Amino acid sequence: MTDPTGLAAAASGRDPRVGLRAALALRRLAETLEALQVANARAQGWSWQDIAEALEVSKQAVHKKYAHLRGE
């Protein structure tokens, strides 16, 4: 199962093994999407502060996590 809707259904199901694996897959998908959008934002000239505000985290946290995307 790889589609987000199916994963969300599995993550909220009663079988803990299936639910935990689905939650892991969703977390990995979210991390991948977030990194993609951070890279897009930086390519479009967004500051680390702008990105941090959109993600509701500190500027330092987002920079530490994603500075490697563009060799910064």
PDB file of N, CA and C in Angstrom:
ATOM      1  N   MET A   1       0.845  -1.184   0.000  1.00  0.00           N
ATOM      2  CA  MET A   1       0.000   0.000   0.000  1.00  0.00           C
ATOM      3  C   MET A   1       0.887   1.243   0.000  1.00  0.00           C
ATOM      4  N   THR A   2       0.671   2.115  -0.975  1.00  0.00           N
ATOM      5  CA  THR A   2       1.497   3.319  -1.064  1.00  0.00           C
ATOM      6  C   THR A   2       0.683   4.600  -1.239  1.00  0.00           C
ATOM      7  N   ASP A   3      -0.604   4.495  -1.534  1.00  0.00           N
ATOM      8  CA  ASP A   3      -1.369   5.729  -1.734  1.00  0.00           C
ATOM      9  C   ASP A   3      -1.684   6.358  -0.379  1.00  0.00           C
ATOM     10  N   PRO A   4      -1.606   7.689  -0.298  1.00  0.00           N
ATOM     11  CA  PRO A   4      -1.819   8.365   0.982  1.00  0.00           C
ATOM     12  C   PRO A   4      -3.170   8.079   1.627  1.00  0.00           C
ATOM     13  N   THR A   5      -4.221   7.954   0.841  1.00  0.00           N
ATOM     14  CA  THR A   5      -5.538   7.690   1.414  1.00  0.00           C
ATOM     15  C   THR A   5      -5.576   6.308   2.060  1.00  0.00           C
ATOM     16  N   GLY A   6      -5.026   5.327   1.375  1.00  0.00           N
ATOM     17  CA  GLY A   6      -4.971   3.981   1.937  1.00  0.00           C
ATOM     18  C   GLY A   6      -4.098   3.921   3.171  1.00  0.00           C
ATOM     19  N   LEU A   7      -2.984   4.658   3.131  1.00  0.00           N
ATOM     20  CA  LEU A   7      -2.101   4.701   4.293  1.00  0.00           C
ATOM     21  C   LEU A   7      -2.791   5.340   5.494  1.00  0.00           C
ATOM     22  N   ALA A   8      -3.528   6.416   5.245  1.00  0.00           N
ATOM     23  CA  ALA A   8      -4.241   7.080   6.344  1.00  0.00           C
ATOM     24  C   ALA A   8      -5.282   6.145   6.948  1.00  0.00           C
ATOM     25  N   ALA A   9      -5.975   5.407   6.107  1.00  0.00           N
ATOM     26  CA  ALA A   9      -6.964   4.455   6.612  1.00  0.00           C
ATOM     27  C   ALA A   9      -6.277   3.365   7.427  1.00  0.00           C
ATOM     28  N   ALA A  10      -5.165   2.845   6.916  1.00  0.00           N
ATOM     29  CA  ALA A  10      -4.438   1.796   7.631  1.00  0.00           C
ATOM     30  C   ALA A  10      -3.878   2.323   8.950  1.00  0.00           C
ATOM     31  N   ALA A  11      -3.408   3.559   8.955  1.00  0.00           N
ATOM     32  CA  ALA A  11      -2.819   4.140  10.166  1.00  0.00           C
ATOM     33  C   ALA A  11      -3.854   4.329  11.263  1.00  0.00           C
ATOM     34  N   SER A  12      -5.103   4.441  10.900  1.00  0.00           N
ATOM     35  CA  SER A  12      -6.149   4.646  11.905  1.00  0.00           C
ATOM     36  C   SER A  12      -6.914   3.364  12.210  1.00  0.00           C
ATOM     37  N   GLY A  13      -6.454   2.259  11.649  1.00  0.00           N
ATOM     38  CA  GLY A  13      -7.127   0.982  11.873  1.00  0.00           C
ATOM     39  C   GLY A  13      -6.825   0.393  13.243  1.00  0.00           C
ATOM     40  N   ARG A  14      -7.376  -0.775  13.508  1.00  0.00           N
ATOM     41  CA  ARG A  14      -7.251  -1.403  14.822  1.00  0.00           C
ATOM     42  C   ARG A  14      -6.018  -2.293  14.953  1.00  0.00           C
ATOM     43  N   ASP A  15      -5.398  -2.700  13.845  1.00  0.00           N
ATOM     44  CA  ASP A  15      -4.220  -3.564  13.910  1.00  0.00           C
ATOM     45  C   ASP A  15      -2.981  -2.701  14.132  1.00  0.00           C
ATOM     46  N   PRO A  16      -2.357  -2.777  15.299  1.00  0.00           N
ATOM     47  CA  PRO A  16      -1.210  -1.913  15.593  1.00  0.00           C
ATOM     48  C   PRO A  16      -0.042  -2.116  14.628  1.00  0.00           C
ATOM     49  N   ARG A  17       0.212  -3.349  14.215  1.00  0.00           N
ATOM     50  CA  ARG A  17       1.340  -3.594  13.307  1.00  0.00           C
ATOM     51  C   ARG A  17       1.114  -2.879  11.982  1.00  0.00           C
ATOM     52  N   VAL A  18      -0.071  -3.017  11.420  1.00  0.00           N
ATOM     53  CA  VAL A  18      -0.413  -2.350  10.163  1.00  0.00           C
ATOM     54  C   VAL A  18      -0.434  -0.838  10.365  1.00  0.00           C
ATOM     55  N   GLY A  19      -1.027  -0.398  11.459  1.00  0.00           N
ATOM     56  CA  GLY A  19      -1.125   1.040  11.728  1.00  0.00           C
ATOM     57  C   GLY A  19       0.220   1.701  11.904  1.00  0.00           C
ATOM     58  N   LEU A  20       1.104   1.049  12.625  1.00  0.00           N
ATOM     59  CA  LEU A  20       2.435   1.630  12.835  1.00  0.00           C
ATOM     60  C   LEU A  20       3.243   1.680  11.548  1.00  0.00           C
ATOM     61  N   ARG A  21       3.152   0.635  10.731  1.00  0.00           N
ATOM     62  CA  ARG A  21       3.867   0.640   9.454  1.00  0.00           C
ATOM     63  C   ARG A  21       3.310   1.731   8.534  1.00  0.00           C
ATOM     64  N   ALA A  22       1.999   1.909   8.551  1.00  0.00           N
ATOM     65  CA  ALA A  22       1.382   2.957   7.742  1.00  0.00           C
ATOM     66  C   ALA A  22       1.797   4.338   8.250  1.00  0.00           C
ATOM     67  N   ALA A  23       1.845   4.505   9.563  1.00  0.00           N
ATOM     68  CA  ALA A  23       2.281   5.789  10.130  1.00  0.00           C
ATOM     69  C   ALA A  23       3.718   6.086   9.723  1.00  0.00           C
ATOM     70  N   LEU A  24       4.564   5.084   9.735  1.00  0.00           N
ATOM     71  CA  LEU A  24       5.952   5.250   9.289  1.00  0.00           C
ATOM     72  C   LEU A  24       6.006   5.676   7.828  1.00  0.00           C
ATOM     73  N   ALA A  25       5.235   5.030   6.983  1.00  0.00           N
ATOM     74  CA  ALA A  25       5.217   5.383   5.561  1.00  0.00           C
ATOM     75  C   ALA A  25       4.724   6.809   5.354  1.00  0.00           C
ATOM     76  N   LEU A  26       3.706   7.213   6.104  1.00  0.00           N
ATOM     77  CA  LEU A  26       3.202   8.589   6.001  1.00  0.00           C
ATOM     78  C   LEU A  26       4.240   9.604   6.475  1.00  0.00           C
ATOM     79  N   ARG A  27       4.959   9.269   7.552  1.00  0.00           N
ATOM     80  CA  ARG A  27       6.000  10.178   8.047  1.00  0.00           C
ATOM     81  C   ARG A  27       7.091  10.342   7.000  1.00  0.00           C
ATOM     82  N   ARG A  28       7.491   9.245   6.377  1.00  0.00           N
ATOM     83  CA  ARG A  28       8.522   9.322   5.328  1.00  0.00           C
ATOM     84  C   ARG A  28       8.044  10.138   4.134  1.00  0.00           C
ATOM     85  N   LEU A  29       6.792   9.965   3.755  1.00  0.00           N
ATOM     86  CA  LEU A  29       6.227  10.748   2.660  1.00  0.00           C
ATOM     87  C   LEU A  29       6.212  12.232   3.014  1.00  0.00           C
ATOM     88  N   ALA A  30       5.786  12.551   4.221  1.00  0.00           N
ATOM     89  CA  ALA A  30       5.736  13.949   4.656  1.00  0.00           C
ATOM     90  C   ALA A  30       7.127  14.573   4.671  1.00  0.00           C
ATOM     91  N   GLU A  31       8.125  13.837   5.137  1.00  0.00           N
ATOM     92  CA  GLU A  31       9.495  14.348   5.159  1.00  0.00           C
ATOM     93  C   GLU A  31      10.001  14.618   3.745  1.00  0.00           C
ATOM     94  N   THR A  32       9.698  13.713   2.826  1.00  0.00           N
ATOM     95  CA  THR A  32      10.119  13.886   1.433  1.00  0.00           C
ATOM     96  C   THR A  32       9.462  15.110   0.813  1.00  0.00           C
ATOM     97  N   LEU A  33       8.164  15.253   1.044  1.00  0.00           N
ATOM     98  CA  LEU A  33       7.438  16.405   0.501  1.00  0.00           C
ATOM     99  C   LEU A  33       7.923  17.717   1.106  1.00  0.00           C
ATOM    100  N   GLU A  34       8.188  17.712   2.409  1.00  0.00           N
ATOM    101  CA  GLU A  34       8.680  18.919   3.062  1.00  0.00           C
ATOM    102  C   GLU A  34      10.030  19.326   2.489  1.00  0.00           C
ATOM    103  N   ALA A  35      10.937  18.377   2.322  1.00  0.00           N
ATOM    104  CA  ALA A  35      12.255  18.690   1.755  1.00  0.00           C
ATOM    105  C   ALA A  35      12.128  19.238   0.340  1.00  0.00           C
ATOM    106  N   LEU A  36      11.238  18.665  -0.447  1.00  0.00           N
ATOM    107  CA  LEU A  36      11.012  19.146  -1.806  1.00  0.00           C
ATOM    108  C   LEU A  36      10.539  20.594  -1.794  1.00  0.00           C
ATOM    109  N   GLN A  37       9.601  20.908  -0.909  1.00  0.00           N
ATOM    110  CA  GLN A  37       9.052  22.261  -0.864  1.00  0.00           C
ATOM    111  C   GLN A  37      10.029  23.273  -0.259  1.00  0.00           C
ATOM    112  N   VAL A  38      10.861  22.827   0.672  1.00  0.00           N
ATOM    113  CA  VAL A  38      11.907  23.720   1.181  1.00  0.00           C
ATOM    114  C   VAL A  38      12.876  24.061   0.051  1.00  0.00           C
ATOM    115  N   ALA A  39      13.268  23.062  -0.722  1.00  0.00           N
ATOM    116  CA  ALA A  39      14.160  23.305  -1.854  1.00  0.00           C
ATOM    117  C   ALA A  39      13.500  24.236  -2.872  1.00  0.00           C
ATOM    118  N   ASN A  40      12.212  24.034  -3.135  1.00  0.00           N
ATOM    119  CA  ASN A  40      11.484  24.926  -4.048  1.00  0.00           C
ATOM    120  C   ASN A  40      11.465  26.358  -3.524  1.00  0.00           C
ATOM    121  N   ALA A  41      11.181  26.489  -2.240  1.00  0.00           N
ATOM    122  CA  ALA A  41      11.122  27.823  -1.638  1.00  0.00           C
ATOM    123  C   ALA A  41      12.474  28.529  -1.723  1.00  0.00           C
ATOM    124  N   ARG A  42      13.545  27.817  -1.393  1.00  0.00           N
ATOM    125  CA  ARG A  42      14.880  28.426  -1.464  1.00  0.00           C
ATOM    126  C   ARG A  42      15.222  28.813  -2.900  1.00  0.00           C
ATOM    127  N   ALA A  43      14.866  27.972  -3.854  1.00  0.00           N
ATOM    128  CA  ALA A  43      15.134  28.269  -5.265  1.00  0.00           C
ATOM    129  C   ALA A  43      14.375  29.512  -5.729  1.00  0.00           C
ATOM    130  N   GLN A  44      13.240  29.793  -5.080  1.00  0.00           N
ATOM    131  CA  GLN A  44      12.438  30.963  -5.419  1.00  0.00           C
ATOM    132  C   GLN A  44      12.786  32.177  -4.565  1.00  0.00           C
ATOM    133  N   GLY A  45      13.852  32.062  -3.789  1.00  0.00           N
ATOM    134  CA  GLY A  45      14.329  33.209  -3.034  1.00  0.00           C
ATOM    135  C   GLY A  45      13.763  33.383  -1.638  1.00  0.00           C
ATOM    136  N   TRP A  46      13.049  32.409  -1.126  1.00  0.00           N
ATOM    137  CA  TRP A  46      12.522  32.518   0.229  1.00  0.00           C
ATOM    138  C   TRP A  46      13.666  32.500   1.221  1.00  0.00           C
ATOM    139  N   SER A  47      13.519  33.269   2.270  1.00  0.00           N
ATOM    140  CA  SER A  47      14.503  33.250   3.352  1.00  0.00           C
ATOM    141  C   SER A  47      14.211  32.056   4.267  1.00  0.00           C
ATOM    142  N   TRP A  48      15.224  31.729   5.077  1.00  0.00           N
ATOM    143  CA  TRP A  48      15.019  30.670   6.060  1.00  0.00           C
ATOM    144  C   TRP A  48      13.906  31.071   7.036  1.00  0.00           C
ATOM    145  N   GLN A  49      13.801  32.354   7.331  1.00  0.00           N
ATOM    146  CA  GLN A  49      12.743  32.829   8.235  1.00  0.00           C
ATOM    147  C   GLN A  49      11.368  32.614   7.619  1.00  0.00           C
ATOM    148  N   ASP A  50      11.227  32.899   6.324  1.00  0.00           N
ATOM    149  CA  ASP A  50       9.948  32.678   5.640  1.00  0.00           C
ATOM    150  C   ASP A  50       9.530  31.212   5.711  1.00  0.00           C
ATOM    151  N   ILE A  51      10.488  30.335   5.437  1.00  0.00           N
ATOM    152  CA  ILE A  51      10.215  28.889   5.466  1.00  0.00           C
ATOM    153  C   ILE A  51       9.858  28.448   6.879  1.00  0.00           C
ATOM    154  N   ALA A  52      10.624  28.925   7.849  1.00  0.00           N
ATOM    155  CA  ALA A  52      10.374  28.566   9.246  1.00  0.00           C
ATOM    156  C   ALA A  52       8.969  28.972   9.673  1.00  0.00           C
ATOM    157  N   GLU A  53       8.545  30.159   9.284  1.00  0.00           N
ATOM    158  CA  GLU A  53       7.198  30.612   9.639  1.00  0.00           C
ATOM    159  C   GLU A  53       6.133  29.730   9.003  1.00  0.00           C
ATOM    160  N   ALA A  54       6.341  29.334   7.745  1.00  0.00           N
ATOM    161  CA  ALA A  54       5.366  28.475   7.067  1.00  0.00           C
ATOM    162  C   ALA A  54       5.283  27.103   7.738  1.00  0.00           C
ATOM    163  N   LEU A  55       6.414  26.616   8.253  1.00  0.00           N
ATOM    164  CA  LEU A  55       6.457  25.310   8.902  1.00  0.00           C
ATOM    165  C   LEU A  55       6.205  25.375  10.412  1.00  0.00           C
ATOM    166  N   GLU A  56       6.069  26.589  10.928  1.00  0.00           N
ATOM    167  CA  GLU A  56       5.846  26.807  12.363  1.00  0.00           C
ATOM    168  C   GLU A  56       6.958  26.195  13.218  1.00  0.00           C
ATOM    169  N   VAL A  57       8.198  26.456  12.800  1.00  0.00           N
ATOM    170  CA  VAL A  57       9.387  26.050  13.549  1.00  0.00           C
ATOM    171  C   VAL A  57      10.335  27.244  13.589  1.00  0.00           C
ATOM    172  N   SER A  58      11.438  27.098  14.309  1.00  0.00           N
ATOM    173  CA  SER A  58      12.407  28.198  14.363  1.00  0.00           C
ATOM    174  C   SER A  58      13.245  28.223  13.089  1.00  0.00           C
ATOM    175  N   LYS A  59      13.766  29.398  12.797  1.00  0.00           N
ATOM    176  CA  LYS A  59      14.659  29.552  11.652  1.00  0.00           C
ATOM    177  C   LYS A  59      15.869  28.639  11.798  1.00  0.00           C
ATOM    178  N   GLN A  60      16.392  28.544  13.000  1.00  0.00           N
ATOM    179  CA  GLN A  60      17.564  27.704  13.253  1.00  0.00           C
ATOM    180  C   GLN A  60      17.261  26.236  12.979  1.00  0.00           C
ATOM    181  N   ALA A  61      16.091  25.788  13.381  1.00  0.00           N
ATOM    182  CA  ALA A  61      15.718  24.380  13.188  1.00  0.00           C
ATOM    183  C   ALA A  61      15.612  24.033  11.708  1.00  0.00           C
ATOM    184  N   VAL A  62      14.955  24.894  10.942  1.00  0.00           N
ATOM    185  CA  VAL A  62      14.779  24.596   9.525  1.00  0.00           C
ATOM    186  C   VAL A  62      16.116  24.704   8.783  1.00  0.00           C
ATOM    187  N   HIS A  63      16.943  25.649   9.152  1.00  0.00           N
ATOM    188  CA  HIS A  63      18.249  25.780   8.505  1.00  0.00           C
ATOM    189  C   HIS A  63      19.116  24.562   8.808  1.00  0.00           C
ATOM    190  N   LYS A  64      19.127  24.148  10.062  1.00  0.00           N
ATOM    191  CA  LYS A  64      19.932  22.991  10.449  1.00  0.00           C
ATOM    192  C   LYS A  64      19.499  21.736   9.684  1.00  0.00           C
ATOM    193  N   LYS A  65      18.188  21.578   9.522  1.00  0.00           N
ATOM    194  CA  LYS A  65      17.661  20.378   8.880  1.00  0.00           C
ATOM    195  C   LYS A  65      17.862  20.377   7.371  1.00  0.00           C
ATOM    196  N   TYR A  66      17.828  21.567   6.729  1.00  0.00           N
ATOM    197  CA  TYR A  66      17.788  21.605   5.271  1.00  0.00           C
ATOM    198  C   TYR A  66      18.902  22.381   4.585  1.00  0.00           C
ATOM    199  N   ALA A  67      19.839  22.929   5.313  1.00  0.00           N
ATOM    200  CA  ALA A  67      20.897  23.716   4.677  1.00  0.00           C
ATOM    201  C   ALA A  67      21.684  22.902   3.657  1.00  0.00           C
ATOM    202  N   HIS A  68      21.775  21.615   3.867  1.00  0.00           N
ATOM    203  CA  HIS A  68      22.531  20.751   2.943  1.00  0.00           C
ATOM    204  C   HIS A  68      21.899  20.669   1.549  1.00  0.00           C
ATOM    205  N   LEU A  69      20.634  21.023   1.404  1.00  0.00           N
ATOM    206  CA  LEU A  69      19.954  20.889   0.115  1.00  0.00           C
ATOM    207  C   LEU A  69      20.609  21.719  -0.978  1.00  0.00           C
ATOM    208  N   ARG A  70      21.163  22.852  -0.605  1.00  0.00           N
ATOM    209  CA  ARG A  70      21.808  23.711  -1.599  1.00  0.00           C
ATOM    210  C   ARG A  70      23.238  24.019  -1.214  1.00  0.00           C
ATOM    211  N   GLY A  71      23.800  23.208  -0.353  1.00  0.00           N
ATOM    212  CA  GLY A  71      25.189  23.412   0.041  1.00  0.00           C
ATOM    213  C   GLY A  71      25.450  24.657   0.854  1.00  0.00           C
ATOM    214  N   GLU A  72      24.450  25.082   1.613  1.00  0.00           N
ATOM    215  CA  GLU A  72      24.606  26.308   2.410  1.00  0.00           C
ATOM    216  C   GLU A  72      25.199  25.996   3.768  1.00  0.00           C
TER     217      GLU A  72
END
